[in-house]
PDB file of N, CA and C in Angstrom:
ATOM      1  N   MET A   1     -18.448  -3.975  -4.768  1.00  0.00           N
ATOM      2  CA  MET A   1     -17.701  -4.962  -4.037  1.00  0.00           C
ATOM      3  C   MET A   1     -18.455  -5.274  -2.751  1.00  0.00           C
ATOM      4  N   LYS A   2     -18.582  -6.521  -2.466  1.00  0.00           N
ATOM      5  CA  LYS A   2     -19.244  -6.953  -1.233  1.00  0.00           C
ATOM      6  C   LYS A   2     -18.314  -6.746  -0.044  1.00  0.00           C
ATOM      7  N   LYS A   3     -18.907  -6.492   1.106  1.00  0.00           N
ATOM      8  CA  LYS A   3     -18.114  -6.223   2.311  1.00  0.00           C
ATOM      9  C   LYS A   3     -17.133  -7.353   2.604  1.00  0.00           C
ATOM     10  N   GLU A   4     -17.516  -8.589   2.384  1.00  0.00           N
ATOM     11  CA  GLU A   4     -16.612  -9.713   2.665  1.00  0.00           C
ATOM     12  C   GLU A   4     -15.441  -9.789   1.679  1.00  0.00           C
ATOM     13  N   GLU A   5     -15.482  -8.991   0.608  1.00  0.00           N
ATOM     14  CA  GLU A   5     -14.382  -8.945  -0.356  1.00  0.00           C
ATOM     15  C   GLU A   5     -13.417  -7.802  -0.085  1.00  0.00           C
ATOM     16  N   TYR A   6     -13.715  -6.942   0.902  1.00  0.00           N
ATOM     17  CA  TYR A   6     -12.846  -5.817   1.237  1.00  0.00           C
ATOM     18  C   TYR A   6     -11.459  -6.336   1.627  1.00  0.00           C
ATOM     19  N   PRO A   7     -10.410  -5.623   1.251  1.00  0.00           N
ATOM     20  CA  PRO A   7      -9.077  -6.008   1.713  1.00  0.00           C
ATOM     21  C   PRO A   7      -8.986  -5.843   3.227  1.00  0.00           C
ATOM     22  N   THR A   8      -8.231  -6.719   3.863  1.00  0.00           N
ATOM     23  CA  THR A   8      -8.101  -6.656   5.320  1.00  0.00           C
ATOM     24  C   THR A   8      -6.700  -6.249   5.764  1.00  0.00           C
ATOM     25  N   LYS A   9      -5.743  -6.252   4.849  1.00  0.00           N
ATOM     26  CA  LYS A   9      -4.389  -5.812   5.180  1.00  0.00           C
ATOM     27  C   LYS A   9      -3.793  -5.107   3.973  1.00  0.00           C
ATOM     28  N   LEU A  10      -2.782  -4.325   4.221  1.00  0.00           N
ATOM     29  CA  LEU A  10      -2.176  -3.498   3.189  1.00  0.00           C
ATOM     30  C   LEU A  10      -1.717  -4.328   1.986  1.00  0.00           C
ATOM     31  N   GLU A  11      -1.114  -5.470   2.240  1.00  0.00           N
ATOM     32  CA  GLU A  11      -0.611  -6.305   1.155  1.00  0.00           C
ATOM     33  C   GLU A  11      -1.729  -6.792   0.233  1.00  0.00           C
ATOM     34  N   ASP A  12      -2.951  -6.862   0.732  1.00  0.00           N
ATOM     35  CA  ASP A  12      -4.089  -7.272  -0.102  1.00  0.00           C
ATOM     36  C   ASP A  12      -4.265  -6.332  -1.296  1.00  0.00           C
ATOM     37  N   LEU A  13      -3.867  -5.086  -1.139  1.00  0.00           N
ATOM     38  CA  LEU A  13      -4.076  -4.103  -2.196  1.00  0.00           C
ATOM     39  C   LEU A  13      -3.212  -4.357  -3.426  1.00  0.00           C
ATOM     40  N   THR A  14      -2.231  -5.261  -3.324  1.00  0.00           N
ATOM     41  CA  THR A  14      -1.417  -5.605  -4.486  1.00  0.00           C
ATOM     42  C   THR A  14      -2.080  -6.681  -5.341  1.00  0.00           C
ATOM     43  N   ASN A  15      -3.198  -7.218  -4.886  1.00  0.00           N
ATOM     44  CA  ASN A  15      -3.939  -8.216  -5.654  1.00  0.00           C
ATOM     45  C   ASN A  15      -4.477  -7.560  -6.924  1.00  0.00           C
ATOM     46  N   PRO A  16      -4.262  -8.175  -8.084  1.00  0.00           N
ATOM     47  CA  PRO A  16      -4.727  -7.587  -9.347  1.00  0.00           C
ATOM     48  C   PRO A  16      -6.219  -7.239  -9.374  1.00  0.00           C
ATOM     49  N   LYS A  17      -7.040  -7.877  -8.552  1.00  0.00           N
ATOM     50  CA  LYS A  17      -8.474  -7.574  -8.579  1.00  0.00           C
ATOM     51  C   LYS A  17      -8.772  -6.161  -8.081  1.00  0.00           C
ATOM     52  N   TYR A  18      -7.823  -5.530  -7.384  1.00  0.00           N
ATOM     53  CA  TYR A  18      -8.011  -4.165  -6.911  1.00  0.00           C
ATOM     54  C   TYR A  18      -7.410  -3.131  -7.860  1.00  0.00           C
ATOM     55  N   ARG A  19      -6.785  -3.564  -8.951  1.00  0.00           N
ATOM     56  CA  ARG A  19      -6.162  -2.646  -9.904  1.00  0.00           C
ATOM     57  C   ARG A  19      -7.207  -1.649 -10.416  1.00  0.00           C
ATOM     58  N   GLY A  20      -6.853  -0.393 -10.377  1.00  0.00           N
ATOM     59  CA  GLY A  20      -7.746   0.659 -10.822  1.00  0.00           C
ATOM     60  C   GLY A  20      -8.812   1.044  -9.808  1.00  0.00           C
ATOM     61  N   LYS A  21      -8.776   0.425  -8.633  1.00  0.00           N
ATOM     62  CA  LYS A  21      -9.780   0.706  -7.605  1.00  0.00           C
ATOM     63  C   LYS A  21      -9.176   1.305  -6.341  1.00  0.00           C
ATOM     64  N   VAL A  22      -7.853   1.465  -6.324  1.00  0.00           N
ATOM     65  CA  VAL A  22      -7.158   1.966  -5.151  1.00  0.00           C
ATOM     66  C   VAL A  22      -6.264   3.123  -5.585  1.00  0.00           C
ATOM     67  N   ALA A  23      -6.195   4.163  -4.769  1.00  0.00           N
ATOM     68  CA  ALA A  23      -5.339   5.309  -5.081  1.00  0.00           C
ATOM     69  C   ALA A  23      -4.634   5.780  -3.814  1.00  0.00           C
ATOM     70  N   ILE A  24      -3.468   6.365  -4.000  1.00  0.00           N
ATOM     71  CA  ILE A  24      -2.739   6.992  -2.902  1.00  0.00           C
ATOM     72  C   ILE A  24      -2.223   8.337  -3.390  1.00  0.00           C
ATOM     73  N   SER A  25      -1.896   9.207  -2.469  1.00  0.00           N
ATOM     74  CA  SER A  25      -1.289  10.482  -2.838  1.00  0.00           C
ATOM     75  C   SER A  25       0.181  10.249  -3.185  1.00  0.00           C
ATOM     76  N   LEU A  26       0.796  11.240  -3.809  1.00  0.00           N
ATOM     77  CA  LEU A  26       2.223  11.142  -4.093  1.00  0.00           C
ATOM     78  C   LEU A  26       2.991  11.264  -2.780  1.00  0.00           C
ATOM     79  N   PRO A  27       3.841  10.289  -2.474  1.00  0.00           N
ATOM     80  CA  PRO A  27       4.502  10.271  -1.155  1.00  0.00           C
ATOM     81  C   PRO A  27       5.783  11.096  -1.107  1.00  0.00           C
ATOM     82  N   TYR A  28       5.736  12.344  -1.575  1.00  0.00           N
ATOM     83  CA  TYR A  28       6.940  13.172  -1.580  1.00  0.00           C
ATOM     84  C   TYR A  28       7.095  14.013  -0.323  1.00  0.00           C
ATOM     85  N   MET A  29       5.999  14.291   0.367  1.00  0.00           N
ATOM     86  CA  MET A  29       6.079  15.112   1.578  1.00  0.00           C
ATOM     87  C   MET A  29       4.853  14.860   2.439  1.00  0.00           C
ATOM     88  N   GLY A  30       4.901  15.355   3.638  1.00  0.00           N
ATOM     89  CA  GLY A  30       3.750  15.287   4.523  1.00  0.00           C
ATOM     90  C   GLY A  30       3.430  13.885   5.003  1.00  0.00           C
ATOM     91  N   THR A  31       2.157  13.643   5.231  1.00  0.00           N
ATOM     92  CA  THR A  31       1.689  12.392   5.819  1.00  0.00           C
ATOM     93  C   THR A  31       2.052  11.182   4.972  1.00  0.00           C
ATOM     94  N   ALA A  32       1.875  11.285   3.656  1.00  0.00           N
ATOM     95  CA  ALA A  32       2.180  10.146   2.785  1.00  0.00           C
ATOM     96  C   ALA A  32       3.661   9.781   2.861  1.00  0.00           C
ATOM     97  N   SER A  33       4.526  10.787   2.917  1.00  0.00           N
ATOM     98  CA  SER A  33       5.964  10.527   3.032  1.00  0.00           C
ATOM     99  C   SER A  33       6.284   9.792   4.334  1.00  0.00           C
ATOM    100  N   THR A  34       5.668  10.226   5.410  1.00  0.00           N
ATOM    101  CA  THR A  34       5.865   9.566   6.707  1.00  0.00           C
ATOM    102  C   THR A  34       5.357   8.135   6.662  1.00  0.00           C
ATOM    103  N   HIS A  35       4.202   7.929   6.043  1.00  0.00           N
ATOM    104  CA  HIS A  35       3.617   6.594   5.932  1.00  0.00           C
ATOM    105  C   HIS A  35       4.554   5.669   5.144  1.00  0.00           C
ATOM    106  N   PHE A  36       5.070   6.141   4.015  1.00  0.00           N
ATOM    107  CA  PHE A  36       5.973   5.316   3.209  1.00  0.00           C
ATOM    108  C   PHE A  36       7.273   5.041   3.944  1.00  0.00           C
ATOM    109  N   SER A  37       7.759   5.998   4.716  1.00  0.00           N
ATOM    110  CA  SER A  37       8.973   5.773   5.518  1.00  0.00           C
ATOM    111  C   SER A  37       8.734   4.669   6.539  1.00  0.00           C
ATOM    112  N   ALA A  38       7.576   4.711   7.182  1.00  0.00           N
ATOM    113  CA  ALA A  38       7.236   3.675   8.164  1.00  0.00           C
ATOM    114  C   ALA A  38       7.105   2.312   7.491  1.00  0.00           C
ATOM    115  N   LEU A  39       6.486   2.270   6.307  1.00  0.00           N
ATOM    116  CA  LEU A  39       6.377   0.999   5.580  1.00  0.00           C
ATOM    117  C   LEU A  39       7.749   0.440   5.231  1.00  0.00           C
ATOM    118  N   TYR A  40       8.646   1.321   4.786  1.00  0.00           N
ATOM    119  CA  TYR A  40       9.999   0.890   4.436  1.00  0.00           C
ATOM    120  C   TYR A  40      10.695   0.271   5.647  1.00  0.00           C
ATOM    121  N   LEU A  41      10.572   0.921   6.794  1.00  0.00           N
ATOM    122  CA  LEU A  41      11.211   0.399   8.006  1.00  0.00           C
ATOM    123  C   LEU A  41      10.576  -0.915   8.461  1.00  0.00           C
ATOM    124  N   LYS A  42       9.264  -1.034   8.328  1.00  0.00           N
ATOM    125  CA  LYS A  42       8.574  -2.248   8.768  1.00  0.00           C
ATOM    126  C   LYS A  42       8.837  -3.422   7.826  1.00  0.00           C
ATOM    127  N   LEU A  43       8.761  -3.164   6.509  1.00  0.00           N
ATOM    128  CA  LEU A  43       8.883  -4.247   5.529  1.00  0.00           C
ATOM    129  C   LEU A  43      10.329  -4.586   5.174  1.00  0.00           C
ATOM    130  N   GLY A  44      11.225  -3.626   5.292  1.00  0.00           N
ATOM    131  CA  GLY A  44      12.589  -3.815   4.817  1.00  0.00           C
ATOM    132  C   GLY A  44      12.657  -3.435   3.347  1.00  0.00           C
ATOM    133  N   ALA A  45      13.866  -3.168   2.865  1.00  0.00           N
ATOM    134  CA  ALA A  45      14.058  -2.643   1.517  1.00  0.00           C
ATOM    135  C   ALA A  45      13.484  -3.546   0.429  1.00  0.00           C
ATOM    136  N   GLU A  46      13.781  -4.818   0.491  1.00  0.00           N
ATOM    137  CA  GLU A  46      13.357  -5.742  -0.578  1.00  0.00           C
ATOM    138  C   GLU A  46      11.831  -5.869  -0.670  1.00  0.00           C
ATOM    139  N   LYS A  47      11.176  -6.094   0.463  1.00  0.00           N
ATOM    140  CA  LYS A  47       9.727  -6.223   0.457  1.00  0.00           C
ATOM    141  C   LYS A  47       9.038  -4.909   0.113  1.00  0.00           C
ATOM    142  N   PHE A  48       9.625  -3.804   0.568  1.00  0.00           N
ATOM    143  CA  PHE A  48       9.048  -2.482   0.251  1.00  0.00           C
ATOM    144  C   PHE A  48       9.081  -2.241  -1.244  1.00  0.00           C
ATOM    145  N   ARG A  49      10.198  -2.513  -1.869  1.00  0.00           N
ATOM    146  CA  ARG A  49      10.310  -2.305  -3.322  1.00  0.00           C
ATOM    147  C   ARG A  49       9.351  -3.215  -4.087  1.00  0.00           C
ATOM    148  N   ALA A  50       9.195  -4.432  -3.626  1.00  0.00           N
ATOM    149  CA  ALA A  50       8.256  -5.349  -4.275  1.00  0.00           C
ATOM    150  C   ALA A  50       6.820  -4.851  -4.106  1.00  0.00           C
ATOM    151  N   PHE A  51       6.500  -4.297  -2.939  1.00  0.00           N
ATOM    152  CA  PHE A  51       5.160  -3.777  -2.681  1.00  0.00           C
ATOM    153  C   PHE A  51       4.875  -2.583  -3.593  1.00  0.00           C
ATOM    154  N   ILE A  52       5.840  -1.685  -3.689  1.00  0.00           N
ATOM    155  CA  ILE A  52       5.660  -0.483  -4.509  1.00  0.00           C
ATOM    156  C   ILE A  52       5.656  -0.860  -5.968  1.00  0.00           C
TER     157      ILE A  52
END
């Protein structure tokens, strides 16, 4: 992937062209859980569910 094709925001990662190229840890505890909690609060329930 060329540098100019890198995603620039979190929502970019939902683009099908990144499928199979992005990974996250299971957000059940620790840092990932905190990150997902913050995303939920920032995006709101509807947008968070659509993102996930």
